[in-house]
Amino acid sequence: MTLEEVYHIVPQLKDYLTYMLEEYKKRLIIKVHPSGYIIHQKDSPLDYFGIVASGEHRVINEFENGNIFMIEKNEPIDFIGEVTILAGMPKTSVTIETITESIILYLSRQDFEDWIAKDIHFLRLVAAKVALKLYRSSYNRGAKLFYPPQFLLLDYLINYVESAFLKDPQAMHIVVKKTRNALYEEIGISVKTLNRTIARLKEEGLFAIQKGKITMSPKQLKCAKERIGYYRQMNVKQ
């Protein structure tokens, strides 16, 4: 795939490369990765920088005991490796995995460092993206310690279901197409706690289970949002 072909698919990418020197453009490597592809592994040496032109990916932290925690999920246009490089660290602190097929433009670490030293426009775009990630992290920090697991699960489901209803307002219910393992990784609570929480909230009628998947109707969504409000007002862990 050529850069012009990528521009055709993602026209807004042109703004990011407006002042990129031709010598760097010639050294760009464009790859298309399938879903589930590991872009880079935690604690691996990082010698490249990436621009995610299309496709979603997730940032996860892997621990020695085998547990996985999803830090965030990102959409294009995004960057790969910018935090590690700007921090001056040689190895990555997280694992990045594609969620959907992704087009990524790769550049050597040295070229990236030279580029941002010369291109204030691109540097500001990178800085804005880093700042946004930091802002989201700071805004949500502590939620998993402060709120009960019922809140964390309902908050996740509300965001998922509301988005789905916007796409299909006539739907009678929304199926949450996530496995228990995916929910555990994305919400950040143990599998045992997750299963117990699902059973409890199902008994309370806040959602149903069909063929092993959580489903939620508009009425259940309304009730879930009311329950979330209750947890926020209580300000205590139950």
C-alpha atoms as a PDB file:
ATOM      1  CA  MET A   1       0.000   0.000   0.000  1.00  0.00           C
ATOM      2  CA  THR A   2       1.266   3.480  -0.895  1.00  0.00           C
ATOM      3  CA  LEU A   3       0.917   6.710   1.059  1.00  0.00           C
ATOM      4  CA  GLU A   4      -1.440   8.081  -1.604  1.00  0.00           C
ATOM      5  CA  GLU A   5      -3.668   5.040  -1.176  1.00  0.00           C
ATOM      6  CA  VAL A   6      -3.757   5.642   2.566  1.00  0.00           C
ATOM      7  CA  TYR A   7      -4.654   9.299   1.956  1.00  0.00           C
ATOM      8  CA  HIS A   8      -7.558   8.124  -0.186  1.00  0.00           C
ATOM      9  CA  ILE A   9      -8.851   5.968   2.686  1.00  0.00           C
ATOM     10  CA  VAL A  10      -8.005   8.464   5.455  1.00  0.00           C
ATOM     11  CA  PRO A  11      -7.941  12.015   3.983  1.00  0.00           C
ATOM     12  CA  GLN A  12      -7.459  13.644   7.394  1.00  0.00           C
ATOM     13  CA  LEU A  13      -4.039  11.996   7.657  1.00  0.00           C
ATOM     14  CA  LYS A  14      -2.696  14.664   5.281  1.00  0.00           C
ATOM     15  CA  ASP A  15      -2.887  17.244   8.055  1.00  0.00           C
ATOM     16  CA  TYR A  16      -0.521  15.198  10.196  1.00  0.00           C
ATOM     17  CA  LEU A  17       2.100  14.903   7.443  1.00  0.00           C
ATOM     18  CA  THR A  18       1.762  18.438   6.047  1.00  0.00           C
ATOM     19  CA  TYR A  19       5.307  19.484   6.946  1.00  0.00           C
ATOM     20  CA  MET A  20       6.956  16.075   6.999  1.00  0.00           C
ATOM     21  CA  LEU A  21      10.196  16.116   5.036  1.00  0.00           C
ATOM     22  CA  GLU A  22      10.267  13.974   1.910  1.00  0.00           C
ATOM     23  CA  GLU A  23      13.242  12.034   3.191  1.00  0.00           C
ATOM     24  CA  TYR A  24      11.114  10.770   6.101  1.00  0.00           C
ATOM     25  CA  LYS A  25       8.145   9.997   3.847  1.00  0.00           C
ATOM     26  CA  LYS A  26      10.370   7.851   1.671  1.00  0.00           C
ATOM     27  CA  ARG A  27      11.352   5.807   4.704  1.00  0.00           C
ATOM     28  CA  LEU A  28       7.794   5.277   5.941  1.00  0.00           C
ATOM     29  CA  ILE A  29       6.738   1.638   6.060  1.00  0.00           C
ATOM     30  CA  ILE A  30       2.996   1.048   5.670  1.00  0.00           C
ATOM     31  CA  LYS A  31       1.500  -2.149   7.041  1.00  0.00           C
ATOM     32  CA  VAL A  32      -2.019  -3.556   7.327  1.00  0.00           C
ATOM     33  CA  HIS A  33      -2.481  -5.671  10.454  1.00  0.00           C
ATOM     34  CA  PRO A  34      -5.413  -8.023  11.135  1.00  0.00           C
ATOM     35  CA  SER A  35      -7.421  -7.887  14.350  1.00  0.00           C
ATOM     36  CA  GLY A  36      -5.667  -9.483  17.310  1.00  0.00           C
ATOM     37  CA  TYR A  37      -2.191  -8.540  16.066  1.00  0.00           C
ATOM     38  CA  ILE A  38       0.354  -7.585  18.749  1.00  0.00           C
ATOM     39  CA  ILE A  39       1.951  -4.332  17.595  1.00  0.00           C
ATOM     40  CA  HIS A  40       4.404  -4.333  20.436  1.00  0.00           C
ATOM     41  CA  GLN A  41       4.899  -6.288  23.648  1.00  0.00           C
ATOM     42  CA  LYS A  42       5.445  -4.901  27.132  1.00  0.00           C
ATOM     43  CA  ASP A  43       9.135  -4.640  28.123  1.00  0.00           C
ATOM     44  CA  SER A  44      10.328  -5.071  24.522  1.00  0.00           C
ATOM     45  CA  PRO A  45      12.893  -2.641  23.040  1.00  0.00           C
ATOM     46  CA  LEU A  46      11.183   0.107  21.040  1.00  0.00           C
ATOM     47  CA  ASP A  47      13.044   1.266  17.940  1.00  0.00           C
ATOM     48  CA  TYR A  48      10.119   2.593  15.896  1.00  0.00           C
ATOM     49  CA  PHE A  49       7.194   5.014  16.005  1.00  0.00           C
ATOM     50  CA  GLY A  50       3.784   4.361  14.477  1.00  0.00           C
ATOM     51  CA  ILE A  51       0.842   6.383  13.209  1.00  0.00           C
ATOM     52  CA  VAL A  52      -2.436   4.473  13.342  1.00  0.00           C
ATOM     53  CA  ALA A  53      -4.293   5.705  10.271  1.00  0.00           C
ATOM     54  CA  SER A  54      -7.275   3.375  10.613  1.00  0.00           C
ATOM     55  CA  GLY A  55      -8.528   0.682  12.952  1.00  0.00           C
ATOM     56  CA  GLU A  56      -8.975   0.397  16.712  1.00  0.00           C
ATOM     57  CA  HIS A  57      -6.441  -0.973  19.158  1.00  0.00           C
ATOM     58  CA  ARG A  58      -6.231  -1.591  22.875  1.00  0.00           C
ATOM     59  CA  VAL A  59      -3.501  -0.793  25.358  1.00  0.00           C
ATOM     60  CA  ILE A  60      -3.062  -3.519  27.951  1.00  0.00           C
ATOM     61  CA  ASN A  61      -0.833  -4.235  30.921  1.00  0.00           C
ATOM     62  CA  GLU A  62       0.263  -7.813  31.423  1.00  0.00           C
ATOM     63  CA  PHE A  63       1.375  -9.109  34.804  1.00  0.00           C
ATOM     64  CA  GLU A  64       3.618 -11.992  35.805  1.00  0.00           C
ATOM     65  CA  ASN A  65       0.683 -13.929  37.288  1.00  0.00           C
ATOM     66  CA  GLY A  66      -0.969 -14.006  33.852  1.00  0.00           C
ATOM     67  CA  ASN A  67      -3.596 -11.371  34.563  1.00  0.00           C
ATOM     68  CA  ILE A  68      -4.312  -8.760  31.895  1.00  0.00           C
ATOM     69  CA  PHE A  69      -5.711  -5.283  32.479  1.00  0.00           C
ATOM     70  CA  MET A  70      -6.895  -3.064  29.645  1.00  0.00           C
ATOM     71  CA  ILE A  71      -5.754   0.504  30.229  1.00  0.00           C
ATOM     72  CA  GLU A  72      -7.605   2.072  27.327  1.00  0.00           C
ATOM     73  CA  LYS A  73      -9.042   1.522  23.877  1.00  0.00           C
ATOM     74  CA  ASN A  74      -8.021   3.970  21.142  1.00  0.00           C
ATOM     75  CA  GLU A  75      -9.387   4.969  17.761  1.00  0.00           C
ATOM     76  CA  PRO A  76      -7.573   6.565  14.806  1.00  0.00           C
ATOM     77  CA  ILE A  77      -5.801   8.762  14.177  1.00  0.00           C
ATOM     78  CA  ASP A  78      -3.485   7.735  16.996  1.00  0.00           C
ATOM     79  CA  PHE A  79       0.174   7.093  17.709  1.00  0.00           C
ATOM     80  CA  ILE A  80       2.215   4.094  18.767  1.00  0.00           C
ATOM     81  CA  GLY A  81       5.295   4.466  20.955  1.00  0.00           C
ATOM     82  CA  GLU A  82       5.138   8.246  21.428  1.00  0.00           C
ATOM     83  CA  VAL A  83       4.998   8.068  25.242  1.00  0.00           C
ATOM     84  CA  THR A  84       7.971   5.710  25.497  1.00  0.00           C
ATOM     85  CA  ILE A  85      10.065   7.769  23.081  1.00  0.00           C
ATOM     86  CA  LEU A  86       9.201  11.166  24.572  1.00  0.00           C
ATOM     87  CA  ALA A  87       9.967   9.765  28.033  1.00  0.00           C
ATOM     88  CA  GLY A  88      13.390   8.712  26.759  1.00  0.00           C
ATOM     89  CA  MET A  89      12.808   5.092  27.768  1.00  0.00           C
ATOM     90  CA  PRO A  90      14.259   2.208  25.739  1.00  0.00           C
ATOM     91  CA  LYS A  91      11.490  -0.334  26.380  1.00  0.00           C
ATOM     92  CA  THR A  92       7.710  -0.267  26.164  1.00  0.00           C
ATOM     93  CA  SER A  93       5.633  -0.170  29.342  1.00  0.00           C
ATOM     94  CA  VAL A  94       2.499  -1.671  27.787  1.00  0.00           C
ATOM     95  CA  THR A  95       1.338  -4.141  25.154  1.00  0.00           C
ATOM     96  CA  ILE A  96      -0.645  -2.829  22.192  1.00  0.00           C
ATOM     97  CA  GLU A  97      -2.991  -5.136  20.283  1.00  0.00           C
ATOM     98  CA  THR A  98      -5.236  -4.379  17.309  1.00  0.00           C
ATOM     99  CA  ILE A  99      -8.981  -4.789  17.822  1.00  0.00           C
ATOM    100  CA  THR A 100      -9.895  -4.357  14.167  1.00  0.00           C
ATOM    101  CA  GLU A 101      -7.881  -4.458  10.953  1.00  0.00           C
ATOM    102  CA  SER A 102      -5.506  -1.498  11.136  1.00  0.00           C
ATOM    103  CA  ILE A 103      -3.381   0.533   8.754  1.00  0.00           C
ATOM    104  CA  ILE A 104      -0.235   1.727  10.501  1.00  0.00           C
ATOM    105  CA  LEU A 105       2.599   3.891   9.184  1.00  0.00           C
ATOM    106  CA  TYR A 106       5.944   3.052  10.771  1.00  0.00           C
ATOM    107  CA  LEU A 107       8.981   5.283  11.099  1.00  0.00           C
ATOM    108  CA  SER A 108      12.277   4.634  12.854  1.00  0.00           C
ATOM    109  CA  ARG A 109      12.661   6.045  16.330  1.00  0.00           C
ATOM    110  CA  GLN A 110      15.519   8.272  15.162  1.00  0.00           C
ATOM    111  CA  ASP A 111      13.471   9.694  12.278  1.00  0.00           C
ATOM    112  CA  PHE A 112      10.575  10.415  14.630  1.00  0.00           C
ATOM    113  CA  GLU A 113      12.842  12.229  17.088  1.00  0.00           C
ATOM    114  CA  ASP A 114      14.362  14.285  14.274  1.00  0.00           C
ATOM    115  CA  TRP A 115      10.904  15.002  12.803  1.00  0.00           C
ATOM    116  CA  ILE A 116       9.340  16.422  15.972  1.00  0.00           C
ATOM    117  CA  ALA A 117      12.465  18.523  16.556  1.00  0.00           C
ATOM    118  CA  LYS A 118      11.866  20.243  13.206  1.00  0.00           C
ATOM    119  CA  ASP A 119       8.069  20.183  12.840  1.00  0.00           C
ATOM    120  CA  ILE A 120       6.205  22.156  15.531  1.00  0.00           C
ATOM    121  CA  HIS A 121       2.853  21.435  13.837  1.00  0.00           C
ATOM    122  CA  PHE A 122       3.256  17.681  14.200  1.00  0.00           C
ATOM    123  CA  LEU A 123       4.772  18.028  17.677  1.00  0.00           C
ATOM    124  CA  ARG A 124       1.635  19.857  18.820  1.00  0.00           C
ATOM    125  CA  LEU A 125      -0.586  17.085  17.417  1.00  0.00           C
ATOM    126  CA  VAL A 126       1.451  14.456  19.272  1.00  0.00           C
ATOM    127  CA  ALA A 127       1.442  16.524  22.467  1.00  0.00           C
ATOM    128  CA  ALA A 128      -2.334  17.017  22.236  1.00  0.00           C
ATOM    129  CA  LYS A 129      -2.877  13.264  21.903  1.00  0.00           C
ATOM    130  CA  VAL A 130      -0.601  12.501  24.868  1.00  0.00           C
ATOM    131  CA  ALA A 131      -2.377  15.182  26.923  1.00  0.00           C
ATOM    132  CA  LEU A 132      -5.788  13.724  26.052  1.00  0.00           C
ATOM    133  CA  LYS A 133      -4.715  10.256  27.197  1.00  0.00           C
ATOM    134  CA  LEU A 134      -3.330  11.699  30.422  1.00  0.00           C
ATOM    135  CA  TYR A 135      -6.522  13.695  30.978  1.00  0.00           C
ATOM    136  CA  ARG A 136      -8.724  10.607  30.537  1.00  0.00           C
ATOM    137  CA  SER A 137      -6.493   8.599  32.842  1.00  0.00           C
ATOM    138  CA  SER A 138      -6.517  11.302  35.525  1.00  0.00           C
ATOM    139  CA  TYR A 139     -10.269  11.825  35.208  1.00  0.00           C
ATOM    140  CA  ASN A 140     -11.012   8.126  35.725  1.00  0.00           C
ATOM    141  CA  ARG A 141      -8.206   7.325  38.152  1.00  0.00           C
ATOM    142  CA  GLY A 142      -9.393   5.732  41.366  1.00  0.00           C
ATOM    143  CA  ALA A 143     -12.805   4.645  40.072  1.00  0.00           C
ATOM    144  CA  LYS A 144     -11.903   0.958  40.330  1.00  0.00           C
ATOM    145  CA  LEU A 145     -10.845   1.439  43.955  1.00  0.00           C
ATOM    146  CA  PHE A 146     -13.635   3.779  44.998  1.00  0.00           C
ATOM    147  CA  TYR A 147     -16.754   2.312  43.382  1.00  0.00           C
ATOM    148  CA  PRO A 148     -18.227  -1.189  43.892  1.00  0.00           C
ATOM    149  CA  PRO A 149     -18.040  -3.773  41.075  1.00  0.00           C
ATOM    150  CA  GLN A 150     -21.755  -3.274  40.353  1.00  0.00           C
ATOM    151  CA  PHE A 151     -21.024   0.340  39.410  1.00  0.00           C
ATOM    152  CA  LEU A 152     -18.044  -0.578  37.231  1.00  0.00           C
ATOM    153  CA  LEU A 153     -19.979  -3.215  35.290  1.00  0.00           C
ATOM    154  CA  LEU A 154     -23.094  -1.059  34.858  1.00  0.00           C
ATOM    155  CA  ASP A 155     -21.032   1.960  33.798  1.00  0.00           C
ATOM    156  CA  TYR A 156     -19.360  -0.153  31.101  1.00  0.00           C
ATOM    157  CA  LEU A 157     -22.663  -1.665  29.929  1.00  0.00           C
ATOM    158  CA  ILE A 158     -24.427   1.706  29.792  1.00  0.00           C
ATOM    159  CA  ASN A 159     -21.725   3.159  27.535  1.00  0.00           C
ATOM    160  CA  TYR A 160     -21.807   0.073  25.286  1.00  0.00           C
ATOM    161  CA  VAL A 161     -25.604  -0.153  25.076  1.00  0.00           C
ATOM    162  CA  GLU A 162     -26.247   3.571  24.615  1.00  0.00           C
ATOM    163  CA  SER A 163     -23.841   3.638  21.699  1.00  0.00           C
ATOM    164  CA  ALA A 164     -25.557   0.616  20.144  1.00  0.00           C
ATOM    165  CA  PHE A 165     -29.041   2.125  20.553  1.00  0.00           C
ATOM    166  CA  LEU A 166     -27.870   5.284  18.801  1.00  0.00           C
ATOM    167  CA  LYS A 167     -26.966   3.139  15.799  1.00  0.00           C
ATOM    168  CA  ASP A 168     -30.229   1.167  15.970  1.00  0.00           C
ATOM    169  CA  PRO A 169     -32.916   3.204  17.808  1.00  0.00           C
ATOM    170  CA  GLN A 170     -35.640   0.667  16.938  1.00  0.00           C
ATOM    171  CA  ALA A 171     -33.865  -2.269  18.588  1.00  0.00           C
ATOM    172  CA  MET A 172     -35.862  -4.078  21.288  1.00  0.00           C
ATOM    173  CA  HIS A 173     -32.671  -4.941  23.125  1.00  0.00           C
ATOM    174  CA  ILE A 174     -28.904  -4.814  22.670  1.00  0.00           C
ATOM    175  CA  VAL A 175     -26.657  -7.860  22.925  1.00  0.00           C
ATOM    176  CA  VAL A 176     -23.308  -7.097  24.544  1.00  0.00           C
ATOM    177  CA  LYS A 177     -21.006  -9.065  22.267  1.00  0.00           C
ATOM    178  CA  LYS A 178     -18.252  -9.511  24.809  1.00  0.00           C
ATOM    179  CA  THR A 179     -16.944 -12.664  26.441  1.00  0.00           C
ATOM    180  CA  ARG A 180     -16.527 -12.829  30.198  1.00  0.00           C
ATOM    181  CA  ASN A 181     -12.776 -12.751  29.672  1.00  0.00           C
ATOM    182  CA  ALA A 182     -13.019  -9.561  27.589  1.00  0.00           C
ATOM    183  CA  LEU A 183     -15.231  -7.927  30.230  1.00  0.00           C
ATOM    184  CA  TYR A 184     -12.792  -8.852  32.971  1.00  0.00           C
ATOM    185  CA  GLU A 185      -9.871  -7.358  31.056  1.00  0.00           C
ATOM    186  CA  GLU A 186     -11.685  -4.155  30.084  1.00  0.00           C
ATOM    187  CA  ILE A 187     -13.417  -3.463  33.394  1.00  0.00           C
ATOM    188  CA  GLY A 188     -10.510  -4.515  35.579  1.00  0.00           C
ATOM    189  CA  ILE A 189     -12.225  -6.743  38.157  1.00  0.00           C
ATOM    190  CA  SER A 190     -11.475 -10.405  38.820  1.00  0.00           C
ATOM    191  CA  VAL A 191     -13.343 -13.126  36.951  1.00  0.00           C
ATOM    192  CA  LYS A 192     -14.813 -14.421  40.218  1.00  0.00           C
ATOM    193  CA  THR A 193     -16.085 -10.965  41.177  1.00  0.00           C
ATOM    194  CA  LEU A 194     -17.362 -10.357  37.649  1.00  0.00           C
ATOM    195  CA  ASN A 195     -19.384 -13.594  37.592  1.00  0.00           C
ATOM    196  CA  ARG A 196     -20.833 -12.855  41.018  1.00  0.00           C
ATOM    197  CA  THR A 197     -21.732  -9.299  39.978  1.00  0.00           C
ATOM    198  CA  ILE A 198     -23.375 -10.444  36.740  1.00  0.00           C
ATOM    199  CA  ALA A 199     -25.487 -12.980  38.644  1.00  0.00           C
ATOM    200  CA  ARG A 200     -26.550 -10.367  41.202  1.00  0.00           C
ATOM    201  CA  LEU A 201     -27.510  -7.678  38.667  1.00  0.00           C
ATOM    202  CA  LYS A 202     -29.334 -10.225  36.501  1.00  0.00           C
ATOM    203  CA  GLU A 203     -31.419 -11.266  39.507  1.00  0.00           C
ATOM    204  CA  GLU A 204     -32.266  -7.618  40.065  1.00  0.00           C
ATOM    205  CA  GLY A 205     -33.529  -7.352  36.501  1.00  0.00           C
ATOM    206  CA  LEU A 206     -30.999  -4.790  35.275  1.00  0.00           C
ATOM    207  CA  PHE A 207     -30.207  -6.988  32.270  1.00  0.00           C
ATOM    208  CA  ALA A 208     -30.876 -10.471  30.923  1.00  0.00           C
ATOM    209  CA  ILE A 209     -28.681 -13.305  29.679  1.00  0.00           C
ATOM    210  CA  GLN A 210     -29.293 -14.885  26.282  1.00  0.00           C
ATOM    211  CA  LYS A 211     -27.027 -17.666  25.038  1.00  0.00           C
ATOM    212  CA  GLY A 212     -24.395 -16.601  27.546  1.00  0.00           C
ATOM    213  CA  LYS A 213     -24.407 -12.924  26.480  1.00  0.00           C
ATOM    214  CA  ILE A 214     -25.688  -9.944  28.444  1.00  0.00           C
ATOM    215  CA  THR A 215     -28.656  -8.190  26.833  1.00  0.00           C
ATOM    216  CA  MET A 216     -30.274  -4.914  27.839  1.00  0.00           C
ATOM    217  CA  SER A 217     -33.584  -3.340  26.815  1.00  0.00           C
ATOM    218  CA  PRO A 218     -34.356   0.398  26.831  1.00  0.00           C
ATOM    219  CA  LYS A 219     -36.247  -0.035  30.110  1.00  0.00           C
ATOM    220  CA  GLN A 220     -33.322  -1.896  31.669  1.00  0.00           C
ATOM    221  CA  LEU A 221     -30.938   0.783  30.396  1.00  0.00           C
ATOM    222  CA  LYS A 222     -33.038   3.434  32.162  1.00  0.00           C
ATOM    223  CA  CYS A 223     -32.959   1.423  35.395  1.00  0.00           C
ATOM    224  CA  ALA A 224     -29.205   0.895  35.090  1.00  0.00           C
ATOM    225  CA  LYS A 225     -28.637   4.648  34.729  1.00  0.00           C
ATOM    226  CA  GLU A 226     -30.748   5.270  37.817  1.00  0.00           C
ATOM    227  CA  ARG A 227     -28.661   2.734  39.738  1.00  0.00           C
ATOM    228  CA  ILE A 228     -25.445   4.403  38.597  1.00  0.00           C
ATOM    229  CA  GLY A 229     -26.785   7.688  39.944  1.00  0.00           C
ATOM    230  CA  TYR A 230     -27.463   5.989  43.270  1.00  0.00           C
ATOM    231  CA  TYR A 231     -23.876   4.739  43.544  1.00  0.00           C
ATOM    232  CA  ARG A 232     -22.529   8.181  42.742  1.00  0.00           C
ATOM    233  CA  GLN A 233     -24.665   9.756  45.460  1.00  0.00           C
ATOM    234  CA  MET A 234     -23.731   7.140  48.058  1.00  0.00           C
ATOM    235  CA  ASN A 235     -19.988   7.795  47.576  1.00  0.00           C
ATOM    236  CA  VAL A 236     -19.149   4.629  49.476  1.00  0.00           C
ATOM    237  CA  LYS A 237     -17.965   1.192  48.466  1.00  0.00           C
ATOM    238  CA  GLN A 238     -20.554  -1.466  49.191  1.00  0.00           C
END
